[in-house]
Every structure is written in C-alpha cells, then in structure tokens.
Amino acid sequence: ELPTVIVTIIPIEQLEGRICTRLTDPNLCHIYVVEEKQALLEYSWGPEFELQKGMTFDKFDWRRVNLLPEQRQNLEQAFRLALDFAKSPEGWLVFMGVTGCGKTHLAAAIVNYRYQANQ
C-alpha cells in the first residue's frame, strides 16, 4: 500500500475486476475525475514539466561509467523494456528503484515516444 498515483482514460468500472475493487475501496484510494469537455488536440507538457520534455530514449544513458557491470546490464534491460512498451503498450509497466536511477526519464521517454508517433 505505497503512495501511488494512477491516471487512466478508461472509467474505473471498465478496469479488470480486482483492480477495480482496489481502486474503488475508499480506505485505499481517493478518486478525482478531471472533466474535460473536449480532448486536447495538441500534445504539450505543462511548464512545470519542462525537464521531462527532453527526456527521450535517445538521451537516456544506460552506459553510465559509474555503474557496476550488473547494474549497467539491469539499466539496459529496463531501457529495452521501456522502448518495447513504448512501441507496443500492453498491460502495465512499473519501474522501481532508488532516486536518480532513471525511472522518470524512462516513463517520460515512453510518453514522448507515443506522442511523437501520434498515439
């Protein structure tokens, strides 16, 4: 039960049963529905996300020199999984790790990839 933010365009009632049950449990979740009269037609990061705009797969450095070989291999695997997910998203992809390991960069890279592909 770690603090988590979930964003979806699918109504909660249409999610898989177990997930729906957890998300509608008032002891676990606070649900806020953002009403938008019309879908946004233009992709843009808000000004508070200026850094994320530049987070792409091309700019992700999984070959960092300060890593042990097994850490570098793990980071390369995370990079490849994120790129595969960006190309063909299915299910969920969860990144876990310490601060500064690249989770946000990979998540933003997925978003940027999908938007650049008009998806």
PDB file of N, CA and C in Angstrom:
ATOM      1  N   GLU A   1       0.823  -1.187   0.000  1.00  0.00           N
ATOM      2  CA  GLU A   1       0.000   0.000   0.000  1.00  0.00           C
ATOM      3  C   GLU A   1       0.869   1.254   0.000  1.00  0.00           C
ATOM      4  N   LEU A   2       1.800   1.331  -0.936  1.00  0.00           N
ATOM      5  CA  LEU A   2       2.641   2.506  -1.082  1.00  0.00           C
ATOM      6  C   LEU A   2       1.852   3.639  -1.718  1.00  0.00           C
ATOM      7  N   PRO A   3       2.211   4.889  -1.433  1.00  0.00           N
ATOM      8  CA  PRO A   3       1.545   6.002  -2.097  1.00  0.00           C
ATOM      9  C   PRO A   3       1.723   5.873  -3.609  1.00  0.00           C
ATOM     10  N   THR A   4       0.633   5.954  -4.337  1.00  0.00           N
ATOM     11  CA  THR A   4       0.658   5.732  -5.780  1.00  0.00           C
ATOM     12  C   THR A   4      -0.330   6.665  -6.457  1.00  0.00           C
ATOM     13  N   VAL A   5       0.029   7.140  -7.633  1.00  0.00           N
ATOM     14  CA  VAL A   5      -0.879   7.936  -8.449  1.00  0.00           C
ATOM     15  C   VAL A   5      -1.174   7.127  -9.701  1.00  0.00           C
ATOM     16  N   ILE A   6      -2.444   6.994 -10.029  1.00  0.00           N
ATOM     17  CA  ILE A   6      -2.853   6.258 -11.222  1.00  0.00           C
ATOM     18  C   ILE A   6      -3.660   7.205 -12.093  1.00  0.00           C
ATOM     19  N   VAL A   7      -3.310   7.253 -13.361  1.00  0.00           N
ATOM     20  CA  VAL A   7      -4.017   8.087 -14.324  1.00  0.00           C
ATOM     21  C   VAL A   7      -4.557   7.163 -15.404  1.00  0.00           C
ATOM     22  N   THR A   8      -5.832   7.305 -15.720  1.00  0.00           N
ATOM     23  CA  THR A   8      -6.426   6.460 -16.752  1.00  0.00           C
ATOM     24  C   THR A   8      -7.480   7.232 -17.519  1.00  0.00           C
ATOM     25  N   ILE A   9      -7.642   6.889 -18.781  1.00  0.00           N
ATOM     26  CA  ILE A   9      -8.738   7.476 -19.555  1.00  0.00           C
ATOM     27  C   ILE A   9      -9.925   6.527 -19.578  1.00  0.00           C
ATOM     28  N   ILE A  10      -9.717   5.343 -19.050  1.00  0.00           N
ATOM     29  CA  ILE A  10     -10.771   4.330 -19.007  1.00  0.00           C
ATOM     30  C   ILE A  10     -11.544   4.488 -17.704  1.00  0.00           C
ATOM     31  N   PRO A  11     -12.865   4.506 -17.743  1.00  0.00           N
ATOM     32  CA  PRO A  11     -13.638   4.561 -16.495  1.00  0.00           C
ATOM     33  C   PRO A  11     -13.259   3.385 -15.590  1.00  0.00           C
ATOM     34  N   ILE A  12     -13.160   3.653 -14.309  1.00  0.00           N
ATOM     35  CA  ILE A  12     -12.720   2.628 -13.357  1.00  0.00           C
ATOM     36  C   ILE A  12     -13.565   1.368 -13.459  1.00  0.00           C
ATOM     37  N   GLU A  13     -14.844   1.528 -13.698  1.00  0.00           N
ATOM     38  CA  GLU A  13     -15.742   0.372 -13.776  1.00  0.00           C
ATOM     39  C   GLU A  13     -15.383  -0.568 -14.928  1.00  0.00           C
ATOM     40  N   GLN A  14     -14.635  -0.081 -15.902  1.00  0.00           N
ATOM     41  CA  GLN A  14     -14.258  -0.905 -17.050  1.00  0.00           C
ATOM     42  C   GLN A  14     -12.905  -1.592 -16.868  1.00  0.00           C
ATOM     43  N   LEU A  15     -12.229  -1.314 -15.768  1.00  0.00           N
ATOM     44  CA  LEU A  15     -10.950  -1.966 -15.499  1.00  0.00           C
ATOM     45  C   LEU A  15     -11.176  -3.392 -15.010  1.00  0.00           C
ATOM     46  N   GLU A  16     -10.136  -4.189 -15.056  1.00  0.00           N
ATOM     47  CA  GLU A  16     -10.189  -5.581 -14.591  1.00  0.00           C
ATOM     48  C   GLU A  16     -10.729  -5.615 -13.161  1.00  0.00           C
ATOM     49  N   GLY A  17     -11.518  -6.643 -12.845  1.00  0.00           N
ATOM     50  CA  GLY A  17     -12.254  -6.745 -11.591  1.00  0.00           C
ATOM     51  C   GLY A  17     -11.463  -6.478 -10.331  1.00  0.00           C
ATOM     52  N   ARG A  18     -10.328  -7.128 -10.169  1.00  0.00           N
ATOM     53  CA  ARG A  18      -9.532  -6.979  -8.944  1.00  0.00           C
ATOM     54  C   ARG A  18      -8.992  -5.555  -8.814  1.00  0.00           C
ATOM     55  N   ILE A  19      -8.544  -4.997  -9.933  1.00  0.00           N
ATOM     56  CA  ILE A  19      -8.031  -3.626  -9.912  1.00  0.00           C
ATOM     57  C   ILE A  19      -9.163  -2.662  -9.587  1.00  0.00           C
ATOM     58  N   CYS A  20     -10.318  -2.868 -10.206  1.00  0.00           N
ATOM     59  CA  CYS A  20     -11.488  -2.028  -9.954  1.00  0.00           C
ATOM     60  C   CYS A  20     -11.858  -2.056  -8.472  1.00  0.00           C
ATOM     61  N   THR A  21     -11.852  -3.238  -7.889  1.00  0.00           N
ATOM     62  CA  THR A  21     -12.191  -3.387  -6.471  1.00  0.00           C
ATOM     63  C   THR A  21     -11.232  -2.598  -5.591  1.00  0.00           C
ATOM     64  N   ARG A  22      -9.930  -2.696  -5.877  1.00  0.00           N
ATOM     65  CA  ARG A  22      -8.935  -1.981  -5.073  1.00  0.00           C
ATOM     66  C   ARG A  22      -9.083  -0.463  -5.240  1.00  0.00           C
ATOM     67  N   LEU A  23      -9.295  -0.036  -6.480  1.00  0.00           N
ATOM     68  CA  LEU A  23      -9.366   1.399  -6.737  1.00  0.00           C
ATOM     69  C   LEU A  23     -10.636   2.042  -6.202  1.00  0.00           C
ATOM     70  N   THR A  24     -11.696   1.274  -6.040  1.00  0.00           N
ATOM     71  CA  THR A  24     -12.943   1.836  -5.518  1.00  0.00           C
ATOM     72  C   THR A  24     -13.077   1.659  -4.008  1.00  0.00           C
ATOM     73  N   ASP A  25     -12.062   1.113  -3.375  1.00  0.00           N
ATOM     74  CA  ASP A  25     -12.066   0.964  -1.916  1.00  0.00           C
ATOM     75  C   ASP A  25     -11.724   2.323  -1.296  1.00  0.00           C
ATOM     76  N   PRO A  26     -12.686   2.964  -0.608  1.00  0.00           N
ATOM     77  CA  PRO A  26     -12.439   4.298  -0.054  1.00  0.00           C
ATOM     78  C   PRO A  26     -11.358   4.318   1.023  1.00  0.00           C
ATOM     79  N   ASN A  27     -11.022   3.165   1.588  1.00  0.00           N
ATOM     80  CA  ASN A  27      -9.951   3.116   2.574  1.00  0.00           C
ATOM     81  C   ASN A  27      -8.572   3.144   1.923  1.00  0.00           C
ATOM     82  N   LEU A  28      -8.508   2.864   0.625  1.00  0.00           N
ATOM     83  CA  LEU A  28      -7.231   2.825  -0.086  1.00  0.00           C
ATOM     84  C   LEU A  28      -7.043   3.987  -1.049  1.00  0.00           C
ATOM     85  N   CYS A  29      -8.127   4.448  -1.668  1.00  0.00           N
ATOM     86  CA  CYS A  29      -7.997   5.385  -2.785  1.00  0.00           C
ATOM     87  C   CYS A  29      -8.880   6.610  -2.643  1.00  0.00           C
ATOM     88  N   HIS A  30      -8.361   7.689  -3.150  1.00  0.00           N
ATOM     89  CA  HIS A  30      -9.129   8.913  -3.343  1.00  0.00           C
ATOM     90  C   HIS A  30      -9.201   9.102  -4.849  1.00  0.00           C
ATOM     91  N   ILE A  31     -10.389   9.168  -5.388  1.00  0.00           N
ATOM     92  CA  ILE A  31     -10.562   9.269  -6.832  1.00  0.00           C
ATOM     93  C   ILE A  31     -10.952  10.692  -7.188  1.00  0.00           C
ATOM     94  N   TYR A  32     -10.250  11.239  -8.142  1.00  0.00           N
ATOM     95  CA  TYR A  32     -10.573  12.564  -8.654  1.00  0.00           C
ATOM     96  C   TYR A  32     -10.754  12.438 -10.156  1.00  0.00           C
ATOM     97  N   VAL A  33     -11.928  12.790 -10.639  1.00  0.00           N
ATOM     98  CA  VAL A  33     -12.225  12.714 -12.065  1.00  0.00           C
ATOM     99  C   VAL A  33     -12.073  14.109 -12.651  1.00  0.00           C
ATOM    100  N   VAL A  34     -11.189  14.232 -13.609  1.00  0.00           N
ATOM    101  CA  VAL A  34     -10.976  15.501 -14.286  1.00  0.00           C
ATOM    102  C   VAL A  34     -11.911  15.544 -15.477  1.00  0.00           C
ATOM    103  N   GLU A  35     -12.824  16.482 -15.444  1.00  0.00           N
ATOM    104  CA  GLU A  35     -13.785  16.613 -16.540  1.00  0.00           C
ATOM    105  C   GLU A  35     -13.188  17.505 -17.620  1.00  0.00           C
ATOM    106  N   GLU A  36     -13.111  17.004 -18.800  1.00  0.00           N
ATOM    107  CA  GLU A  36     -12.600  17.753 -19.948  1.00  0.00           C
ATOM    108  C   GLU A  36     -13.678  17.722 -21.009  1.00  0.00           C
ATOM    109  N   LYS A  37     -14.159  18.878 -21.412  1.00  0.00           N
ATOM    110  CA  LYS A  37     -15.241  18.939 -22.387  1.00  0.00           C
ATOM    111  C   LYS A  37     -14.817  18.399 -23.745  1.00  0.00           C
ATOM    112  N   GLN A  38     -13.553  18.574 -24.071  1.00  0.00           N
ATOM    113  CA  GLN A  38     -13.075  18.142 -25.374  1.00  0.00           C
ATOM    114  C   GLN A  38     -11.641  17.655 -25.202  1.00  0.00           C
ATOM    115  N   ALA A  39     -11.292  16.617 -25.915  1.00  0.00           N
ATOM    116  CA  ALA A  39      -9.936  16.081 -25.826  1.00  0.00           C
ATOM    117  C   ALA A  39      -8.935  17.130 -26.291  1.00  0.00           C
ATOM    118  N   LEU A  40      -7.778  17.125 -25.650  1.00  0.00           N
ATOM    119  CA  LEU A  40      -6.722  18.025 -26.078  1.00  0.00           C
ATOM    120  C   LEU A  40      -6.211  17.573 -27.438  1.00  0.00           C
ATOM    121  N   LEU A  41      -6.157  18.479 -28.365  1.00  0.00           N
ATOM    122  CA  LEU A  41      -5.741  18.124 -29.715  1.00  0.00           C
ATOM    123  C   LEU A  41      -4.244  18.291 -29.909  1.00  0.00           C
ATOM    124  N   GLU A  42      -3.613  19.005 -29.009  1.00  0.00           N
ATOM    125  CA  GLU A  42      -2.196  19.268 -29.161  1.00  0.00           C
ATOM    126  C   GLU A  42      -1.443  18.706 -27.966  1.00  0.00           C
ATOM    127  N   TYR A  43      -0.363  18.022 -28.251  1.00  0.00           N
ATOM    128  CA  TYR A  43       0.470  17.447 -27.197  1.00  0.00           C
ATOM    129  C   TYR A  43       1.374  18.523 -26.637  1.00  0.00           C
ATOM    130  N   SER A  44       1.344  18.695 -25.348  1.00  0.00           N
ATOM    131  CA  SER A  44       2.272  19.634 -24.736  1.00  0.00           C
ATOM    132  C   SER A  44       2.441  19.302 -23.262  1.00  0.00           C
ATOM    133  N   TRP A  45       3.676  19.410 -22.814  1.00  0.00           N
ATOM    134  CA  TRP A  45       3.964  19.301 -21.393  1.00  0.00           C
ATOM    135  C   TRP A  45       3.702  20.675 -20.797  1.00  0.00           C
ATOM    136  N   GLY A  46       3.150  20.716 -19.603  1.00  0.00           N
ATOM    137  CA  GLY A  46       2.975  21.986 -18.922  1.00  0.00           C
ATOM    138  C   GLY A  46       4.331  22.554 -18.531  1.00  0.00           C
ATOM    139  N   PRO A  47       4.383  23.842 -18.180  1.00  0.00           N
ATOM    140  CA  PRO A  47       5.665  24.472 -17.844  1.00  0.00           C
ATOM    141  C   PRO A  47       6.367  23.805 -16.662  1.00  0.00           C
ATOM    142  N   GLU A  48       5.608  23.185 -15.780  1.00  0.00           N
ATOM    143  CA  GLU A  48       6.226  22.516 -14.632  1.00  0.00           C
ATOM    144  C   GLU A  48       6.933  21.222 -15.030  1.00  0.00           C
ATOM    145  N   PHE A  49       6.745  20.789 -16.278  1.00  0.00           N
ATOM    146  CA  PHE A  49       7.375  19.560 -16.762  1.00  0.00           C
ATOM    147  C   PHE A  49       8.403  19.846 -17.855  1.00  0.00           C
ATOM    148  N   GLU A  50       9.014  20.998 -17.797  1.00  0.00           N
ATOM    149  CA  GLU A  50       9.988  21.393 -18.822  1.00  0.00           C
ATOM    150  C   GLU A  50      11.105  20.356 -18.959  1.00  0.00           C
ATOM    151  N   LEU A  51      11.570  19.833 -17.862  1.00  0.00           N
ATOM    152  CA  LEU A  51      12.649  18.837 -17.886  1.00  0.00           C
ATOM    153  C   LEU A  51      12.219  17.564 -18.614  1.00  0.00           C
ATOM    154  N   GLN A  52      10.987  17.120 -18.392  1.00  0.00           N
ATOM    155  CA  GLN A  52      10.504  15.877 -18.991  1.00  0.00           C
ATOM    156  C   GLN A  52      10.359  15.972 -20.508  1.00  0.00           C
ATOM    157  N   LYS A  53      10.166  17.164 -21.040  1.00  0.00           N
ATOM    158  CA  LYS A  53      10.029  17.331 -22.488  1.00  0.00           C
ATOM    159  C   LYS A  53      11.251  16.795 -23.222  1.00  0.00           C
ATOM    160  N   GLY A  54      12.407  16.918 -22.608  1.00  0.00           N
ATOM    161  CA  GLY A  54      13.647  16.479 -23.247  1.00  0.00           C
ATOM    162  C   GLY A  54      14.052  15.058 -22.913  1.00  0.00           C
ATOM    163  N   MET A  55      13.242  14.373 -22.134  1.00  0.00           N
ATOM    164  CA  MET A  55      13.587  13.002 -21.731  1.00  0.00           C
ATOM    165  C   MET A  55      13.122  12.027 -22.810  1.00  0.00           C
ATOM    166  N   THR A  56      14.035  11.650 -23.668  1.00  0.00           N
ATOM    167  CA  THR A  56      13.734  10.727 -24.758  1.00  0.00           C
ATOM    168  C   THR A  56      14.627   9.501 -24.633  1.00  0.00           C
ATOM    169  N   PHE A  57      14.327   8.497 -25.424  1.00  0.00           N
ATOM    170  CA  PHE A  57      15.166   7.301 -25.416  1.00  0.00           C
ATOM    171  C   PHE A  57      16.565   7.621 -25.930  1.00  0.00           C
ATOM    172  N   ASP A  58      16.664   8.531 -26.903  1.00  0.00           N
ATOM    173  CA  ASP A  58      17.971   8.903 -27.446  1.00  0.00           C
ATOM    174  C   ASP A  58      18.871   9.552 -26.401  1.00  0.00           C
ATOM    175  N   LYS A  59      18.262  10.219 -25.442  1.00  0.00           N
ATOM    176  CA  LYS A  59      19.045  10.933 -24.427  1.00  0.00           C
ATOM    177  C   LYS A  59      19.254  10.121 -23.149  1.00  0.00           C
ATOM    178  N   PHE A  60      18.742   8.905 -23.099  1.00  0.00           N
ATOM    179  CA  PHE A  60      18.892   8.079 -21.898  1.00  0.00           C
ATOM    180  C   PHE A  60      20.241   7.367 -21.950  1.00  0.00           C
ATOM    181  N   ASP A  61      21.030   7.511 -20.903  1.00  0.00           N
ATOM    182  CA  ASP A  61      22.372   6.924 -20.859  1.00  0.00           C
ATOM    183  C   ASP A  61      22.397   5.710 -19.940  1.00  0.00           C
ATOM    184  N   TRP A  62      22.206   4.534 -20.513  1.00  0.00           N
ATOM    185  CA  TRP A  62      22.280   3.317 -19.698  1.00  0.00           C
ATOM    186  C   TRP A  62      23.710   2.794 -19.615  1.00  0.00           C
ATOM    187  N   ARG A  63      24.648   3.449 -20.294  1.00  0.00           N
ATOM    188  CA  ARG A  63      26.054   3.027 -20.261  1.00  0.00           C
ATOM    189  C   ARG A  63      26.856   3.849 -19.252  1.00  0.00           C
ATOM    190  N   ARG A  64      26.235   4.338 -18.240  1.00  0.00           N
ATOM    191  CA  ARG A  64      26.884   5.201 -17.253  1.00  0.00           C
ATOM    192  C   ARG A  64      28.165   4.556 -16.726  1.00  0.00           C
ATOM    193  N   VAL A  65      29.213   5.338 -16.659  1.00  0.00           N
ATOM    194  CA  VAL A  65      30.524   4.797 -16.270  1.00  0.00           C
ATOM    195  C   VAL A  65      30.614   4.465 -14.784  1.00  0.00           C
ATOM    196  N   ASN A  66      29.796   5.068 -13.965  1.00  0.00           N
ATOM    197  CA  ASN A  66      29.886   4.852 -12.522  1.00  0.00           C
ATOM    198  C   ASN A  66      29.104   3.626 -12.041  1.00  0.00           C
ATOM    199  N   LEU A  67      28.648   2.778 -12.956  1.00  0.00           N
ATOM    200  CA  LEU A  67      27.855   1.610 -12.574  1.00  0.00           C
ATOM    201  C   LEU A  67      28.683   0.335 -12.614  1.00  0.00           C
ATOM    202  N   LEU A  68      28.336  -0.578 -11.743  1.00  0.00           N
ATOM    203  CA  LEU A  68      28.906  -1.921 -11.812  1.00  0.00           C
ATOM    204  C   LEU A  68      28.325  -2.618 -13.036  1.00  0.00           C
ATOM    205  N   PRO A  69      29.013  -3.623 -13.570  1.00  0.00           N
ATOM    206  CA  PRO A  69      28.513  -4.309 -14.768  1.00  0.00           C
ATOM    207  C   PRO A  69      27.082  -4.824 -14.627  1.00  0.00           C
ATOM    208  N   GLU A  70      26.740  -5.408 -13.482  1.00  0.00           N
ATOM    209  CA  GLU A  70      25.380  -5.932 -13.317  1.00  0.00           C
ATOM    210  C   GLU A  70      24.349  -4.808 -13.230  1.00  0.00           C
ATOM    211  N   GLN A  71      24.739  -3.649 -12.683  1.00  0.00           N
ATOM    212  CA  GLN A  71      23.835  -2.501 -12.644  1.00  0.00           C
ATOM    213  C   GLN A  71      23.609  -1.954 -14.054  1.00  0.00           C
ATOM    214  N   ARG A  72      24.680  -1.902 -14.827  1.00  0.00           N
ATOM    215  CA  ARG A  72      24.571  -1.424 -16.207  1.00  0.00           C
ATOM    216  C   ARG A  72      23.681  -2.359 -17.018  1.00  0.00           C
ATOM    217  N   GLN A  73      23.838  -3.658 -16.805  1.00  0.00           N
ATOM    218  CA  GLN A  73      23.016  -4.646 -17.510  1.00  0.00           C
ATOM    219  C   GLN A  73      21.542  -4.487 -17.125  1.00  0.00           C
ATOM    220  N   ASN A  74      21.286  -4.262 -15.840  1.00  0.00           N
ATOM    221  CA  ASN A  74      19.917  -4.057 -15.372  1.00  0.00           C
ATOM    222  C   ASN A  74      19.310  -2.803 -15.988  1.00  0.00           C
ATOM    223  N   LEU A  75      20.093  -1.734 -16.054  1.00  0.00           N
ATOM    224  CA  LEU A  75      19.606  -0.484 -16.628  1.00  0.00           C
ATOM    225  C   LEU A  75      19.347  -0.634 -18.124  1.00  0.00           C
ATOM    226  N   GLU A  76      20.209  -1.380 -18.810  1.00  0.00           N
ATOM    227  CA  GLU A  76      19.989  -1.637 -20.234  1.00  0.00           C
ATOM    228  C   GLU A  76      18.696  -2.430 -20.438  1.00  0.00           C
ATOM    229  N   GLN A  77      18.455  -3.400 -19.568  1.00  0.00           N
ATOM    230  CA  GLN A  77      17.231  -4.197 -19.673  1.00  0.00           C
ATOM    231  C   GLN A  77      15.999  -3.313 -19.439  1.00  0.00           C
ATOM    232  N   ALA A  78      16.060  -2.421 -18.452  1.00  0.00           N
ATOM    233  CA  ALA A  78      14.946  -1.501 -18.196  1.00  0.00           C
ATOM    234  C   ALA A  78      14.712  -0.604 -19.413  1.00  0.00           C
ATOM    235  N   PHE A  79      15.801  -0.134 -20.019  1.00  0.00           N
ATOM    236  CA  PHE A  79      15.707   0.698 -21.221  1.00  0.00           C
ATOM    237  C   PHE A  79      15.011  -0.063 -22.346  1.00  0.00           C
ATOM    238  N   ARG A  80      15.423  -1.284 -22.583  1.00  0.00           N
ATOM    239  CA  ARG A  80      14.854  -2.087 -23.677  1.00  0.00           C
ATOM    240  C   ARG A  80      13.373  -2.411 -23.412  1.00  0.00           C
ATOM    241  N   LEU A  81      13.045  -2.715 -22.158  1.00  0.00           N
ATOM    242  CA  LEU A  81      11.642  -2.971 -21.811  1.00  0.00           C
ATOM    243  C   LEU A  81      10.790  -1.725 -22.038  1.00  0.00           C
ATOM    244  N   ALA A  82      11.316  -0.566 -21.639  1.00  0.00           N
ATOM    245  CA  ALA A  82      10.582   0.689 -21.820  1.00  0.00           C
ATOM    246  C   ALA A  82      10.379   0.991 -23.302  1.00  0.00           C
ATOM    247  N   LEU A  83      11.412   0.781 -24.108  1.00  0.00           N
ATOM    248  CA  LEU A  83      11.300   1.037 -25.543  1.00  0.00           C
ATOM    249  C   LEU A  83      10.301   0.081 -26.192  1.00  0.00           C
ATOM    250  N   ASP A  84      10.360  -1.189 -25.823  1.00  0.00           N
ATOM    251  CA  ASP A  84       9.392  -2.163 -26.347  1.00  0.00           C
ATOM    252  C   ASP A  84       7.970  -1.778 -25.955  1.00  0.00           C
ATOM    253  N   PHE A  85       7.805  -1.341 -24.698  1.00  0.00           N
ATOM    254  CA  PHE A  85       6.487  -0.931 -24.217  1.00  0.00           C
ATOM    255  C   PHE A  85       5.996   0.295 -24.984  1.00  0.00           C
ATOM    256  N   ALA A  86       6.896   1.241 -25.245  1.00  0.00           N
ATOM    257  CA  ALA A  86       6.517   2.448 -25.989  1.00  0.00           C
ATOM    258  C   ALA A  86       6.047   2.090 -27.394  1.00  0.00           C
ATOM    259  N   LYS A  87       6.702   1.122 -27.999  1.00  0.00           N
ATOM    260  CA  LYS A  87       6.343   0.712 -29.362  1.00  0.00           C
ATOM    261  C   LYS A  87       5.020  -0.042 -29.398  1.00  0.00           C
ATOM    262  N   SER A  88       4.762  -0.821 -28.360  1.00  0.00           N
ATOM    263  CA  SER A  88       3.554  -1.643 -28.338  1.00  0.00           C
ATOM    264  C   SER A  88       3.065  -1.802 -26.901  1.00  0.00           C
ATOM    265  N   PRO A  89       2.420  -0.761 -26.359  1.00  0.00           N
ATOM    266  CA  PRO A  89       1.995  -0.821 -24.960  1.00  0.00           C
ATOM    267  C   PRO A  89       0.890  -1.847 -24.738  1.00  0.00           C
ATOM    268  N   GLU A  90       1.103  -2.665 -23.758  1.00  0.00           N
ATOM    269  CA  GLU A  90       0.109  -3.667 -23.385  1.00  0.00           C
ATOM    270  C   GLU A  90       0.281  -3.949 -21.898  1.00  0.00           C
ATOM    271  N   GLY A  91      -0.808  -3.915 -21.162  1.00  0.00           N
ATOM    272  CA  GLY A  91      -0.724  -4.151 -19.727  1.00  0.00           C
ATOM    273  C   GLY A  91      -0.060  -2.975 -19.024  1.00  0.00           C
ATOM    274  N   TRP A  92       0.610  -3.274 -17.942  1.00  0.00           N
ATOM    275  CA  TRP A  92       1.254  -2.251 -17.123  1.00  0.00           C
ATOM    276  C   TRP A  92       2.753  -2.447 -17.163  1.00  0.00           C
ATOM    277  N   LEU A  93       3.475  -1.354 -17.009  1.00  0.00           N
ATOM    278  CA  LEU A  93       4.922  -1.389 -16.849  1.00  0.00           C
ATOM    279  C   LEU A  93       5.236  -0.552 -15.623  1.00  0.00           C
ATOM    280  N   VAL A  94       5.874  -1.150 -14.637  1.00  0.00           N
ATOM    281  CA  VAL A  94       6.169  -0.470 -13.376  1.00  0.00           C
ATOM    282  C   VAL A  94       7.679  -0.403 -13.201  1.00  0.00           C
ATOM    283  N   PHE A  95       8.198   0.790 -12.953  1.00  0.00           N
ATOM    284  CA  PHE A  95       9.613   0.971 -12.660  1.00  0.00           C
ATOM    285  C   PHE A  95       9.770   1.192 -11.167  1.00  0.00           C
ATOM    286  N   MET A  96      10.703   0.483 -10.568  1.00  0.00           N
ATOM    287  CA  MET A  96      11.008   0.663  -9.150  1.00  0.00           C
ATOM    288  C   MET A  96      12.512   0.829  -9.024  1.00  0.00           C
ATOM    289  N   GLY A  97      12.938   1.696  -8.131  1.00  0.00           N
ATOM    290  CA  GLY A  97      14.365   1.888  -7.932  1.00  0.00           C
ATOM    291  C   GLY A  97      14.629   3.109  -7.081  1.00  0.00           C
ATOM    292  N   VAL A  98      15.899   3.320  -6.797  1.00  0.00           N
ATOM    293  CA  VAL A  98      16.310   4.436  -5.950  1.00  0.00           C
ATOM    294  C   VAL A  98      16.215   5.744  -6.730  1.00  0.00           C
ATOM    295  N   THR A  99      16.262   6.844  -6.016  1.00  0.00           N
ATOM    296  CA  THR A  99      16.239   8.164  -6.623  1.00  0.00           C
ATOM    297  C   THR A  99      17.419   8.317  -7.579  1.00  0.00           C
ATOM    298  N   GLY A 100      17.119   8.809  -8.773  1.00  0.00           N
ATOM    299  CA  GLY A 100      18.174   9.093  -9.737  1.00  0.00           C
ATOM    300  C   GLY A 100      18.577   7.939 -10.631  1.00  0.00           C
ATOM    301  N   CYS A 101      17.857   6.821 -10.564  1.00  0.00           N
ATOM    302  CA  CYS A 101      18.258   5.652 -11.362  1.00  0.00           C
ATOM    303  C   CYS A 101      17.695   5.673 -12.777  1.00  0.00           C
ATOM    304  N   GLY A 102      16.743   6.573 -13.075  1.00  0.00           N
ATOM    305  CA  GLY A 102      16.239   6.687 -14.439  1.00  0.00           C
ATOM    306  C   GLY A 102      14.765   6.385 -14.629  1.00  0.00           C
ATOM    307  N   LYS A 103      14.027   6.151 -13.549  1.00  0.00           N
ATOM    308  CA  LYS A 103      12.601   5.803 -13.655  1.00  0.00           C
ATOM    309  C   LYS A 103      11.805   6.894 -14.373  1.00  0.00           C
ATOM    310  N   THR A 104      11.963   8.127 -13.927  1.00  0.00           N
ATOM    311  CA  THR A 104      11.209   9.229 -14.512  1.00  0.00           C
ATOM    312  C   THR A 104      11.600   9.444 -15.966  1.00  0.00           C
ATOM    313  N   HIS A 105      12.891   9.353 -16.257  1.00  0.00           N
ATOM    314  CA  HIS A 105      13.349   9.541 -17.635  1.00  0.00           C
ATOM    315  C   HIS A 105      12.715   8.497 -18.548  1.00  0.00           C
ATOM    316  N   LEU A 106      12.707   7.240 -18.142  1.00  0.00           N
ATOM    317  CA  LEU A 106      12.125   6.189 -18.976  1.00  0.00           C
ATOM    318  C   LEU A 106      10.616   6.377 -19.136  1.00  0.00           C
ATOM    319  N   ALA A 107       9.929   6.756 -18.063  1.00  0.00           N
ATOM    320  CA  ALA A 107       8.482   6.982 -18.153  1.00  0.00           C
ATOM    321  C   ALA A 107       8.178   8.151 -19.093  1.00  0.00           C
ATOM    322  N   ALA A 108       8.930   9.239 -18.967  1.00  0.00           N
ATOM    323  CA  ALA A 108       8.728  10.390 -19.851  1.00  0.00           C
ATOM    324  C   ALA A 108       9.088  10.036 -21.291  1.00  0.00           C
ATOM    325  N   ALA A 109      10.115   9.225 -21.476  1.00  0.00           N
ATOM    326  CA  ALA A 109      10.514   8.807 -22.825  1.00  0.00           C
ATOM    327  C   ALA A 109       9.393   8.017 -23.498  1.00  0.00           C
ATOM    328  N   ILE A 110       8.702   7.192 -22.720  1.00  0.00           N
ATOM    329  CA  ILE A 110       7.563   6.440 -23.267  1.00  0.00           C
ATOM    330  C   ILE A 110       6.481   7.413 -23.734  1.00  0.00           C
ATOM    331  N   VAL A 111       6.141   8.373 -22.887  1.00  0.00           N
ATOM    332  CA  VAL A 111       5.115   9.361 -23.240  1.00  0.00           C
ATOM    333  C   VAL A 111       5.539  10.136 -24.488  1.00  0.00           C
ATOM    334  N   ASN A 112       6.771  10.618 -24.511  1.00  0.00           N
ATOM    335  CA  ASN A 112       7.256  11.387 -25.660  1.00  0.00           C
ATOM    336  C   ASN A 112       7.253  10.544 -26.932  1.00  0.00           C
ATOM    337  N   TYR A 113       7.646   9.304 -26.830  1.00  0.00           N
ATOM    338  CA  TYR A 113       7.655   8.401 -27.990  1.00  0.00           C
ATOM    339  C   TYR A 113       6.245   8.230 -28.550  1.00  0.00           C
ATOM    340  N   ARG A 114       5.288   7.964 -27.654  1.00  0.00           N
ATOM    341  CA  ARG A 114       3.903   7.739 -28.091  1.00  0.00           C
ATOM    342  C   ARG A 114       3.326   8.995 -28.750  1.00  0.00           C
ATOM    343  N   TYR A 115       3.589  10.156 -28.176  1.00  0.00           N
ATOM    344  CA  TYR A 115       3.069  11.387 -28.757  1.00  0.00           C
ATOM    345  C   TYR A 115       3.739  11.712 -30.081  1.00  0.00           C
ATOM    346  N   GLN A 116       5.039  11.464 -30.177  1.00  0.00           N
ATOM    347  CA  GLN A 116       5.728  11.712 -31.448  1.00  0.00           C
ATOM    348  C   GLN A 116       5.205  10.784 -32.538  1.00  0.00           C
ATOM    349  N   ALA A 117       4.707   9.624 -32.139  1.00  0.00           N
ATOM    350  CA  ALA A 117       4.121   8.679 -33.093  1.00  0.00           C
ATOM    351  C   ALA A 117       2.621   8.943 -33.291  1.00  0.00           C
ATOM    352  N   ASN A 118       2.137  10.063 -32.743  1.00  0.00           N
ATOM    353  CA  ASN A 118       0.710  10.423 -32.815  1.00  0.00           C
ATOM    354  C   ASN A 118      -0.188   9.354 -32.221  1.00  0.00           C
ATOM    355  N   GLN A 119       0.252   8.774 -31.140  1.00  0.00           N
ATOM    356  CA  GLN A 119      -0.532   7.743 -30.476  1.00  0.00           C
ATOM    357  C   GLN A 119      -0.768   8.150 -29.044  1.00  0.00           C
TER     358      GLN A 119
END
